[in-house]
Structures are given as structure tokens and as C-alpha cells.
Amino acid sequence: MMDKYGVDALRLWMYSVNQPGDSKNFDEKTVKDTEGKIITLLYNVLSFYDLYRDKNLETRNYKLEPNNILDQWILVRLDQLVGDITTNLDNYKLLEPVRDMREFINDLSTWYLRRSRDRLKDGDVEAKQTLYYVLKTLAKILAPFAPFTAEDIWQKLKLPDDEISVHLVNWPKVEVLVSSDEVLETMQKVRAICTEGNALRKKLNIAVKQPLASFTVNESISKDYLDIIKDELNVKEIIIGTEFAYDTNITPELKREGDYRELVRALQDLRKEIGLTPSDVINLKISENAKQLLAGFETDLKKTVQISQIVFADGENEITVDEQVYKVSIEK
């Protein structure tokens, strides 16, 4: 027997597989796939928000004028989604709204959240308020299609003076945001460039965690967008030129930074293995041969891995980075 979220997944599948009234060939695998691409992915975003949640920042009167270009972009995408779904529902269309929501939730998770993780971890007010607003609005427009899921998300996010149920809330309105078309078009270019860049890295067999000196792009784009490309492709500088190209000269300092990032990833994996949450602060014991690798990175390491103290001494676990073995222990 399906639970209530399984029933929601079945509804979403029925709405999105083809037009209402058309015959449907039921298949559990495709229903599960729909659940994963909409419900599960949305809950993953909600779970990340909850890890770094600050209820003091949550408000009903959110100011739709953030400075960060990623916040601006996701709000424009949300505005577009609300407008399209409203129009389609007014015309008794169900197929298009569900597919639009699936695409939006994918954008929210794989682009906005991935590129905003550090800001959310660092307590960026605009990022947290933007994501809160987006999640609550999604609960509202999801309600006719997946009522149980929408209600659960609403109950997790609602304020004391909010309506008691998402099904009693007014339908969201379309907000006219400045330069909406420009933001959408430019971000589309940015994502296309990043796709090309990541594909080129793979072709060159250079790990994503290995910083590179520069990446040349063939588009003239404003600095805010170039910073996104720089972070996504893990390069120190973006150069405007005639074709896509990396500077593949990996200096000793770039190599050391790449090894440091691999060590950070391994420490994060070790935290998960022993059941720590992202908010748990630890003490780190690591063998003395890590001193050179960590020189200049200690502050970043403490912040990224939630460490209160680093002691250079042999630990119980072994982490290997580029054939170098580090003996580490972590404890709360």
C-alpha cells in the first residue's frame, strides 16, 4: 500500500506522463522516477535549508530586491513558473504545470543551491530569506498537484501568523521583476559555458577539485556572472578570448591547493561515516606530515569542516591524497 507521499507521486506521474483523458500505461519505475525528480529533490533542498535555518530571518514580507545575481535569477525563474502555471491552470491544463515544476525544482537544486551552499552555510541573510521564500511559494503552487507533500512542507515552514494550512493560502501572484529577460538569458549563457568547461575538464582528465589558473571564454559577460563561472569551474581567473580553453599549467601551489581540497573531501566523508551532522563541531588530530599541506589553509579548514582545534599527531584512520598517507582522528 502506498503512503501519502507515494500517492502524491502517483498523482504527479498521472499529470505529467501525458494529457488528462489520454490512456496511461502504469509503471512503478516511472512513478518512482517522477517522485525522485520532484518530491525527493525538493525535500533534499528543504533538508539543506533546515541544517542552516535561522527562524529569526523568516518573514512574510520578503523584499524581492536581493543584490546577489543568483538570488535574482531564482526569483525570476519562480516568477516565470507562477505565471506559466497560473495561465495553464486557468485553461484546465495539468501536463505543462507539473513538467514546469519538475524543471524548476531541478534548477533550484542543481544550480541555485549548489552555487549558493557556501553563502547559506556562512549565514548570508539574502540567500536564506530567498530560499525560504522560494520553498514556501513552491508549497503553495504544489498544493493542487501533491496536497500531502505541499501541506507537510508548509507545516515545516509556516510562521505563527500564517494560515493554518497551505490549502487555505491565497494563490501566489506574479511579481514583475526588473530585467527579468536579461537575467534569464544571461544565466542561460553562463550555464552553457559551465557545461562546456566541465566537459573540457573531463576531456583533459583534470579533476574538478584541482584549481587551475584561468579559463578563457568567448562571451563578454558582467563580473557577477563571471564570478559564478569562476567558482563553478574552479579557476582563479576568467579571460575573455575567442574560444574555450583552460590554462593547464598546474603550479606547485595550485597542486597543493588541489590536494588540500581532496583532504577536505575525505574529512567530510569521515564525518558522515561516524554519523556527525554538519553542525557538529569536532577536534581534529592529523599526522605531522600534513603541516606543509595545511600551511595557510588552517582557518579555511576549521570553517569548512567545523573544527575547533587541530592537533598534529597520528590518528587512528588513514586518508590517502596523491599517494601521501595522513593519519587522522576526529571527535566531538
Protein backbone atom coordinates (compact mmCIF):
# COMPACT_ATOMS: atom_id res chain seq x y z
CA MET A 1 0.00 0.00 0.00
CA MET A 2 1.32 3.45 -0.90
CA ASP A 3 1.88 6.05 1.82
CA LYS A 4 0.50 9.54 1.28
CA TYR A 5 3.71 10.74 -0.43
CA GLY A 6 3.55 7.76 -2.76
CA VAL A 7 0.00 8.80 -3.62
CA ASP A 8 1.31 12.30 -4.39
CA ALA A 9 3.99 10.79 -6.64
CA LEU A 10 1.31 8.79 -8.46
CA ARG A 11 -0.73 11.98 -8.97
CA LEU A 12 2.29 13.83 -10.35
CA TRP A 13 3.08 10.95 -12.69
CA MET A 14 -0.50 10.84 -13.98
CA TYR A 15 -0.48 14.60 -14.59
CA SER A 16 2.94 14.67 -16.27
CA VAL A 17 3.02 11.50 -18.37
CA ASN A 18 0.52 12.82 -20.92
CA GLN A 19 -2.62 14.94 -21.23
CA PRO A 20 -5.64 14.19 -18.98
CA GLY A 21 -8.02 11.79 -20.72
CA ASP A 22 -5.25 10.03 -22.62
CA SER A 23 -4.64 6.37 -21.76
CA LYS A 24 -1.73 5.75 -19.38
CA ASN A 25 0.41 2.63 -19.06
CA PHE A 26 1.13 2.35 -15.34
CA ASP A 27 4.74 1.56 -14.49
CA GLU A 28 6.15 1.66 -10.94
CA LYS A 29 9.61 2.60 -12.19
CA THR A 30 8.43 5.76 -13.94
CA VAL A 31 6.30 6.73 -10.93
CA LYS A 32 9.40 6.32 -8.72
CA ASP A 33 11.38 8.38 -11.20
CA THR A 34 8.78 11.16 -11.01
CA GLU A 35 8.90 11.02 -7.21
CA GLY A 36 12.68 11.32 -7.25
CA LYS A 37 12.77 14.26 -9.67
CA ILE A 38 10.11 16.27 -7.85
CA ILE A 39 9.31 15.22 -4.29
CA THR A 40 12.65 13.74 -3.20
CA LEU A 41 14.69 16.50 -4.82
CA LEU A 42 12.52 19.17 -3.21
CA TYR A 43 12.88 17.54 0.21
CA ASN A 44 16.65 17.44 -0.27
CA VAL A 45 16.63 21.21 -0.77
CA LEU A 46 14.39 21.64 2.28
CA SER A 47 16.71 19.45 4.37
CA PHE A 48 19.72 21.56 3.43
CA TYR A 49 17.84 24.74 4.28
CA ASP A 50 16.86 23.24 7.63
CA LEU A 51 20.50 22.46 8.50
CA TYR A 52 21.40 26.15 8.46
CA ARG A 53 17.98 27.56 9.23
CA ASP A 54 17.65 30.80 11.17
CA LYS A 55 14.00 31.33 12.10
CA ASN A 56 14.73 34.93 13.08
CA LEU A 57 15.25 35.73 9.40
CA GLU A 58 11.96 34.24 8.21
CA THR A 59 9.30 36.77 7.32
CA ARG A 60 6.06 37.07 5.37
CA ASN A 61 7.14 40.44 3.96
CA TYR A 62 10.13 39.33 1.92
CA LYS A 63 11.82 42.11 -0.09
CA LEU A 64 12.12 40.94 -3.70
CA GLU A 65 15.26 43.01 -4.32
CA PRO A 66 18.33 40.91 -3.45
CA ASN A 67 21.76 42.04 -4.59
CA ASN A 68 23.21 38.65 -5.44
CA ILE A 69 22.66 37.62 -9.06
CA LEU A 70 21.85 34.01 -8.11
CA ASP A 71 19.06 35.20 -5.80
CA GLN A 72 17.76 37.48 -8.53
CA TRP A 73 17.82 34.64 -11.05
CA ILE A 74 15.94 32.08 -8.92
CA LEU A 75 13.27 34.70 -8.11
CA VAL A 76 12.85 35.47 -11.81
CA ARG A 77 12.57 31.72 -12.51
CA LEU A 78 9.99 31.42 -9.72
CA ASP A 79 8.03 34.35 -11.13
CA GLN A 80 8.09 32.70 -14.54
CA LEU A 81 6.90 29.43 -13.00
CA VAL A 82 4.00 31.05 -11.13
CA GLY A 83 2.89 32.88 -14.27
CA ASP A 84 3.04 29.82 -16.51
CA ILE A 85 1.27 27.54 -14.03
CA THR A 86 -1.46 30.10 -13.38
CA THR A 87 -2.12 30.50 -17.10
CA ASN A 88 -2.19 26.76 -17.70
CA LEU A 89 -4.50 26.03 -14.76
CA ASP A 90 -6.86 28.78 -15.90
CA ASN A 91 -7.04 26.85 -19.18
CA TYR A 92 -7.55 23.50 -17.42
CA LYS A 93 -4.10 22.20 -18.40
CA LEU A 94 -2.29 19.89 -15.97
CA LEU A 95 0.52 18.36 -18.01
CA GLU A 96 2.53 21.54 -18.53
CA PRO A 97 2.46 22.79 -14.90
CA VAL A 98 3.88 19.55 -13.48
CA ARG A 99 6.63 19.42 -16.08
CA ASP A 100 7.43 23.08 -15.40
CA MET A 101 7.68 22.37 -11.66
CA ARG A 102 9.97 19.42 -12.29
CA GLU A 103 12.28 21.61 -14.37
CA PHE A 104 12.22 24.41 -11.78
CA ILE A 105 13.00 22.10 -8.85
CA ASN A 106 15.92 20.69 -10.82
CA ASP A 107 17.21 24.24 -11.41
CA LEU A 108 16.71 25.06 -7.72
CA SER A 109 18.69 22.03 -6.57
CA THR A 110 21.40 21.51 -9.16
CA TRP A 111 22.21 25.15 -9.90
CA TYR A 112 20.90 27.66 -7.34
CA LEU A 113 21.50 25.58 -4.20
CA ARG A 114 24.79 24.10 -5.41
CA ARG A 115 26.17 27.54 -6.23
CA SER A 116 24.73 29.08 -3.01
CA ARG A 117 25.81 26.42 -0.48
CA ASP A 118 28.69 28.42 0.96
CA ARG A 119 26.56 31.55 1.31
CA LEU A 120 23.88 29.60 3.18
CA LYS A 121 26.46 27.94 5.44
CA ASP A 122 28.03 31.33 6.15
CA GLY A 123 24.67 32.79 7.22
CA ASP A 124 24.07 35.07 4.23
CA VAL A 125 20.78 36.80 5.05
CA GLU A 126 19.62 37.34 1.46
CA ALA A 127 20.36 33.73 0.48
CA LYS A 128 18.45 32.32 3.45
CA GLN A 129 15.47 34.62 3.00
CA THR A 130 15.38 33.96 -0.74
CA LEU A 131 15.41 30.18 -0.32
CA TYR A 132 12.74 30.38 2.41
CA TYR A 133 10.51 32.46 0.14
CA VAL A 134 11.02 30.08 -2.78
CA LEU A 135 10.23 26.98 -0.72
CA LYS A 136 7.04 28.47 0.73
CA THR A 137 5.88 29.61 -2.70
CA LEU A 138 6.58 26.16 -4.10
CA ALA A 139 4.40 24.64 -1.36
CA LYS A 140 1.54 26.88 -2.49
CA ILE A 141 1.72 26.02 -6.18
CA LEU A 142 2.38 22.34 -5.48
CA ALA A 143 -0.77 22.06 -3.35
CA PRO A 144 -3.27 21.24 -6.15
CA PHE A 145 -0.99 18.53 -7.53
CA ALA A 146 0.63 16.94 -4.45
CA PRO A 147 -1.51 18.01 -1.48
CA PHE A 148 0.15 15.90 1.21
CA THR A 149 3.67 16.94 0.25
CA ALA A 150 2.69 20.60 -0.01
CA GLU A 151 0.99 20.52 3.39
CA ASP A 152 3.98 18.85 5.05
CA ILE A 153 6.39 21.46 3.67
CA TRP A 154 4.03 24.26 4.68
CA GLN A 155 3.78 22.96 8.24
CA LYS A 156 7.59 22.82 8.47
CA LEU A 157 7.98 26.41 7.25
CA LYS A 158 4.89 28.33 8.35
CA LEU A 159 5.12 31.27 10.74
CA PRO A 160 2.86 31.69 13.80
CA ASP A 161 0.61 34.16 11.96
CA ASP A 162 0.46 32.15 8.71
CA GLU A 163 -2.68 30.34 7.62
CA ILE A 164 -3.06 27.02 9.42
CA SER A 165 -2.95 25.05 6.16
CA VAL A 166 -1.40 25.59 2.75
CA HIS A 167 -4.83 24.81 1.29
CA LEU A 168 -6.18 27.99 2.90
CA VAL A 169 -3.48 30.25 1.47
CA ASN A 170 -4.10 32.65 -1.41
CA TRP A 171 -2.58 31.64 -4.73
CA PRO A 172 0.73 33.49 -5.28
CA LYS A 173 0.80 36.48 -7.60
CA VAL A 174 3.22 37.17 -10.41
CA GLU A 175 5.75 39.82 -9.40
CA VAL A 176 7.21 42.00 -12.14
CA LEU A 177 10.96 41.97 -11.55
CA VAL A 178 13.39 44.38 -13.24
CA SER A 179 15.47 42.98 -16.12
CA SER A 180 13.80 39.57 -15.87
CA ASP A 181 14.50 38.60 -19.50
CA GLU A 182 18.10 39.78 -19.28
CA VAL A 183 18.75 37.76 -16.11
CA LEU A 184 17.28 34.59 -17.62
CA GLU A 185 19.15 34.95 -20.91
CA THR A 186 22.49 35.72 -19.32
CA MET A 187 22.27 32.91 -16.77
CA GLN A 188 21.42 30.53 -19.60
CA LYS A 189 24.65 31.59 -21.32
CA VAL A 190 26.58 31.14 -18.06
CA ARG A 191 25.26 27.61 -17.57
CA ALA A 192 26.08 26.72 -21.18
CA ILE A 193 29.65 27.98 -20.69
CA CYS A 194 29.97 25.96 -17.47
CA THR A 195 28.71 22.85 -19.25
CA GLU A 196 31.35 23.35 -21.94
CA GLY A 197 34.01 23.99 -19.30
CA ASN A 198 33.18 20.90 -17.26
CA ALA A 199 33.14 18.76 -20.42
CA LEU A 200 36.56 20.14 -21.39
CA ARG A 201 37.95 19.36 -17.92
CA LYS A 202 36.73 15.80 -18.27
CA LYS A 203 38.33 15.52 -21.70
CA LEU A 204 41.61 16.86 -20.27
CA ASN A 205 41.30 14.40 -17.35
CA ILE A 206 41.78 17.13 -14.74
CA ALA A 207 39.82 16.65 -11.50
CA VAL A 208 37.20 19.31 -10.69
CA LYS A 209 38.76 19.85 -7.25
CA GLN A 210 42.09 20.78 -8.85
CA PRO A 211 42.21 24.58 -9.16
CA LEU A 212 43.52 25.98 -12.44
CA ALA A 213 44.95 29.39 -13.21
CA SER A 214 42.42 30.51 -15.80
CA PHE A 215 39.63 29.67 -18.21
CA THR A 216 39.08 31.58 -21.44
CA VAL A 217 35.50 32.23 -22.60
CA ASN A 218 34.24 33.67 -25.88
CA GLU A 219 31.45 35.77 -24.31
CA SER A 220 31.62 39.25 -22.80
CA ILE A 221 29.65 38.93 -19.55
CA SER A 222 29.43 41.15 -16.45
CA LYS A 223 31.60 40.44 -13.42
CA ASP A 224 28.81 38.98 -11.24
CA TYR A 225 28.21 36.26 -13.79
CA LEU A 226 31.92 35.71 -14.41
CA ASP A 227 32.37 35.05 -10.69
CA ILE A 228 29.79 32.26 -10.94
CA ILE A 229 31.72 30.69 -13.84
CA LYS A 230 34.97 31.06 -11.91
CA ASP A 231 33.55 29.27 -8.86
CA GLU A 232 31.81 26.56 -10.88
CA LEU A 233 34.90 25.73 -12.95
CA ASN A 234 37.34 26.19 -10.03
CA VAL A 235 39.68 28.64 -11.69
CA LYS A 236 41.46 31.73 -10.40
CA GLU A 237 40.63 33.99 -13.36
CA ILE A 238 38.24 34.23 -16.31
CA ILE A 239 39.75 35.60 -19.53
CA ILE A 240 37.71 36.89 -22.47
CA GLY A 241 39.01 35.45 -25.72
CA THR A 242 37.97 33.71 -28.92
CA GLU A 243 37.49 30.09 -27.74
CA PHE A 244 37.06 27.99 -24.63
CA ALA A 245 40.40 26.99 -23.11
CA TYR A 246 41.99 26.25 -19.73
CA ASP A 247 45.47 27.19 -18.64
CA THR A 248 46.54 23.63 -17.83
CA ASN A 249 49.85 24.55 -16.20
CA ILE A 250 49.44 23.28 -12.63
CA THR A 251 51.98 25.08 -10.47
CA PRO A 252 53.18 23.59 -7.16
CA GLU A 253 50.87 25.98 -5.26
CA LEU A 254 47.85 25.03 -7.38
CA LYS A 255 48.73 21.35 -6.87
CA ARG A 256 48.94 21.86 -3.11
CA GLU A 257 45.56 23.59 -3.08
CA GLY A 258 44.06 20.72 -5.07
CA ASP A 259 45.49 18.19 -2.60
CA TYR A 260 44.12 20.27 0.28
CA ARG A 261 40.63 20.15 -1.25
CA GLU A 262 40.88 16.38 -1.62
CA LEU A 263 41.80 16.16 2.06
CA VAL A 264 38.77 18.30 2.96
CA ARG A 265 36.51 16.00 0.95
CA ALA A 266 37.94 12.94 2.71
CA LEU A 267 37.45 14.54 6.15
CA GLN A 268 33.84 15.39 5.28
CA ASP A 269 33.31 11.76 4.23
CA LEU A 270 34.80 10.60 7.54
CA ARG A 271 32.41 12.87 9.44
CA LYS A 272 29.46 11.27 7.63
CA GLU A 273 30.78 7.74 8.29
CA ILE A 274 30.76 8.27 12.04
CA GLY A 275 27.31 9.86 11.99
CA LEU A 276 28.10 13.53 12.64
CA THR A 277 25.74 16.26 11.48
CA PRO A 278 27.05 19.33 9.59
CA SER A 279 26.58 21.43 12.74
CA ASP A 280 28.68 19.16 14.98
CA VAL A 281 31.98 20.81 15.93
CA ILE A 282 34.97 18.47 16.17
CA ASN A 283 38.59 18.26 17.27
CA LEU A 284 40.95 17.04 14.56
CA LYS A 285 44.10 15.00 15.13
CA ILE A 286 46.24 14.67 11.99
CA SER A 287 49.79 13.39 11.45
CA GLU A 288 52.67 15.87 11.32
CA ASN A 289 53.26 15.27 7.61
CA ALA A 290 50.11 17.35 6.98
CA LYS A 291 51.69 20.58 8.27
CA GLN A 292 53.09 21.63 4.90
CA LEU A 293 49.86 20.81 3.08
CA LEU A 294 47.74 22.78 5.57
CA ALA A 295 50.02 25.81 5.82
CA GLY A 296 47.84 28.83 5.13
CA PHE A 297 44.65 26.74 4.99
CA GLU A 298 44.07 26.19 8.73
CA THR A 299 41.38 28.88 9.07
CA ASP A 300 39.53 27.67 5.99
CA LEU A 301 39.78 24.05 7.18
CA LYS A 302 38.30 24.90 10.59
CA LYS A 303 35.42 26.77 8.99
CA THR A 304 34.69 24.21 6.25
CA VAL A 305 34.93 21.04 8.34
CA GLN A 306 33.63 22.60 11.59
CA ILE A 307 36.83 22.14 13.62
CA SER A 308 37.56 23.85 16.92
CA GLN A 309 41.12 22.55 17.36
CA ILE A 310 43.78 20.95 15.15
CA VAL A 311 46.46 18.78 16.80
CA PHE A 312 49.37 17.43 14.74
CA ALA A 313 49.72 13.88 15.94
CA ASP A 314 48.96 10.44 14.49
CA GLY A 315 45.28 9.48 14.46
CA GLU A 316 43.56 6.13 14.03
CA ASN A 317 42.28 6.47 10.44
CA GLU A 318 44.25 6.74 7.22
CA ILE A 319 43.48 9.19 4.41
CA THR A 320 45.46 8.99 1.19
CA VAL A 321 45.83 12.05 -1.05
CA ASP A 322 48.03 11.73 -4.15
CA GLU A 323 49.85 8.73 -2.61
CA GLN A 324 50.54 10.64 0.61
CA VAL A 325 49.07 8.96 3.71
CA TYR A 326 47.70 11.08 6.58
CA LYS A 327 46.69 9.51 9.89
CA VAL A 328 43.65 11.28 11.32
CA SER A 329 41.10 11.06 14.13
CA ILE A 330 38.06 13.25 14.68
CA GLU A 331 35.94 13.52 17.82
CA LYS A 332 33.23 15.80 19.17
